[in-house]
Amino acid sequence: RDFCLSRGLGDVYKRQAYTLSEAETKKGNVGLAAWGDQLEPGMKAIAVSRDLIPKGLTHRTEVEVEGLGTYVVLDKMNKRWTDKIDILMADRADAREWGKQTVTIHWEAPEETP
């Protein structure tokens, strides 16, 4: 089933871009994501805030980002962030150009067990 988090008039999340720079991933192991995936340039990957994981945005979940296409959840953020996704970009110039935006996302929520 299709599932979106409804907030007010739409299904939205704060969204920023991130890159494979050491400052934005893991020091000493550039591109190593929190779930252990090795991110590579050109991957259509997103990082999610940890509060979204119980809502079905778990490791390897496919996510449709309206206007951008299909991405895969391969990373998770520091616990201090909430209601947020970050989309992996090729370089800092692209990430800065994108800045902060609000996007609508859709994903298949796992079936609830009785």
Protein backbone atom coordinates (compact mmCIF):
# COMPACT_ATOMS: atom_id res chain seq x y z
CA ARG A 1 0.00 0.00 0.00
CA ASP A 2 1.11 3.54 -0.63
CA PHE A 3 1.90 5.52 2.49
CA CYS A 4 2.86 9.11 3.07
CA LEU A 5 3.22 11.06 6.25
CA SER A 6 0.49 13.69 6.19
CA ARG A 7 1.36 17.08 7.58
CA GLY A 8 -1.11 19.89 7.12
CA LEU A 9 -2.00 20.38 3.45
CA GLY A 10 0.48 17.89 2.01
CA ASP A 11 2.91 15.06 2.56
CA VAL A 12 6.17 16.87 3.13
CA TYR A 13 9.62 16.60 4.65
CA LYS A 14 12.45 19.02 5.08
CA ARG A 15 15.07 18.02 2.61
CA GLN A 16 18.68 18.92 2.09
CA ALA A 17 21.44 17.50 -0.02
CA TYR A 18 24.64 15.85 1.15
CA THR A 19 27.77 14.64 -0.57
CA LEU A 20 30.49 12.06 -0.08
CA SER A 21 32.84 14.54 1.59
CA GLU A 22 34.51 13.27 4.76
CA ALA A 23 32.82 16.03 6.77
CA GLU A 24 29.39 14.72 5.73
CA THR A 25 29.96 10.97 5.97
CA LYS A 26 32.40 8.97 8.10
CA LYS A 27 35.80 10.33 8.99
CA GLY A 28 38.50 7.95 7.81
CA ASN A 29 36.08 6.02 5.59
CA VAL A 30 34.49 8.41 3.10
CA GLY A 31 31.12 7.22 1.84
CA LEU A 32 30.52 4.60 4.53
CA ALA A 33 26.85 4.91 5.48
CA ALA A 34 25.41 4.23 8.93
CA TRP A 35 23.94 0.86 7.85
CA GLY A 36 27.30 -0.21 6.41
CA ASP A 37 26.65 0.50 2.72
CA GLN A 38 29.49 2.04 0.74
CA LEU A 39 28.03 5.04 -1.08
CA GLU A 40 29.40 5.88 -4.51
CA PRO A 41 29.04 8.95 -6.73
CA GLY A 42 25.89 8.77 -8.85
CA MET A 43 23.94 6.52 -6.46
CA LYS A 44 20.32 7.55 -5.93
CA ALA A 45 20.49 7.28 -2.14
CA ILE A 46 18.87 9.10 0.75
CA ALA A 47 19.57 9.39 4.45
CA VAL A 48 16.61 9.53 6.84
CA SER A 49 16.24 10.89 10.34
CA ARG A 50 15.89 8.04 12.80
CA ASP A 51 12.33 8.98 13.80
CA LEU A 52 11.21 7.99 10.27
CA ILE A 53 12.54 4.42 10.53
CA PRO A 54 9.53 3.13 12.54
CA LYS A 55 7.26 4.68 9.89
CA GLY A 56 8.66 2.27 7.29
CA LEU A 57 11.66 4.21 5.96
CA THR A 58 14.07 1.43 6.83
CA HIS A 59 17.29 0.25 5.22
CA ARG A 60 16.91 -0.37 1.47
CA THR A 61 13.36 1.02 1.27
CA GLU A 62 12.58 2.47 -2.16
CA VAL A 63 11.24 6.02 -1.96
CA GLU A 64 9.60 8.07 -4.69
CA VAL A 65 10.65 11.70 -4.30
CA GLU A 66 8.17 13.80 -6.27
CA GLY A 67 9.89 15.60 -9.10
CA LEU A 68 13.18 13.71 -8.64
CA GLY A 69 12.44 10.00 -9.08
CA THR A 70 13.15 6.85 -7.11
CA TYR A 71 15.80 6.72 -4.39
CA VAL A 72 16.85 4.05 -1.87
CA VAL A 73 17.28 4.56 1.88
CA LEU A 74 20.93 3.66 2.49
CA ASP A 75 21.89 5.98 5.33
CA LYS A 76 20.52 7.33 8.59
CA MET A 77 21.22 10.60 10.34
CA ASN A 78 22.42 11.59 13.75
CA LYS A 79 19.72 11.30 16.43
CA ARG A 80 19.48 15.09 16.74
CA TRP A 81 17.61 15.37 13.40
CA THR A 82 13.85 14.73 13.05
CA ASP A 83 11.34 14.71 10.18
CA LYS A 84 14.11 15.02 7.63
CA ILE A 85 15.64 13.32 4.61
CA ASP A 86 18.91 14.14 2.85
CA ILE A 87 19.48 13.23 -0.78
CA LEU A 88 22.95 12.21 -1.94
CA MET A 89 24.34 14.60 -4.55
CA ALA A 90 27.40 14.27 -6.78
CA ASP A 91 29.28 17.27 -5.41
CA ARG A 92 29.12 20.23 -3.04
CA ALA A 93 28.23 22.69 -5.83
CA ASP A 94 25.09 20.67 -6.69
CA ALA A 95 24.21 20.32 -3.01
CA ARG A 96 24.62 24.04 -2.34
CA GLU A 97 22.62 24.95 -5.43
CA TRP A 98 19.78 22.75 -4.19
CA GLY A 99 19.95 24.15 -0.65
CA LYS A 100 17.04 23.31 1.65
CA GLN A 101 13.71 22.43 0.10
CA THR A 102 10.49 20.72 1.04
CA VAL A 103 9.53 17.59 -0.89
CA THR A 104 6.72 15.05 -0.96
CA ILE A 105 7.76 11.42 -0.73
CA HIS A 106 5.93 8.10 -1.13
CA TRP A 107 6.97 4.61 -0.08
CA GLU A 108 5.48 1.22 0.55
CA ALA A 109 4.88 0.82 4.25
CA PRO A 110 5.44 -2.69 5.60
CA GLU A 111 2.33 -4.64 6.44
CA GLU A 112 1.43 -4.38 10.09
CA THR A 113 1.39 -7.64 12.01
CA PRO A 114 -1.64 -8.33 14.21
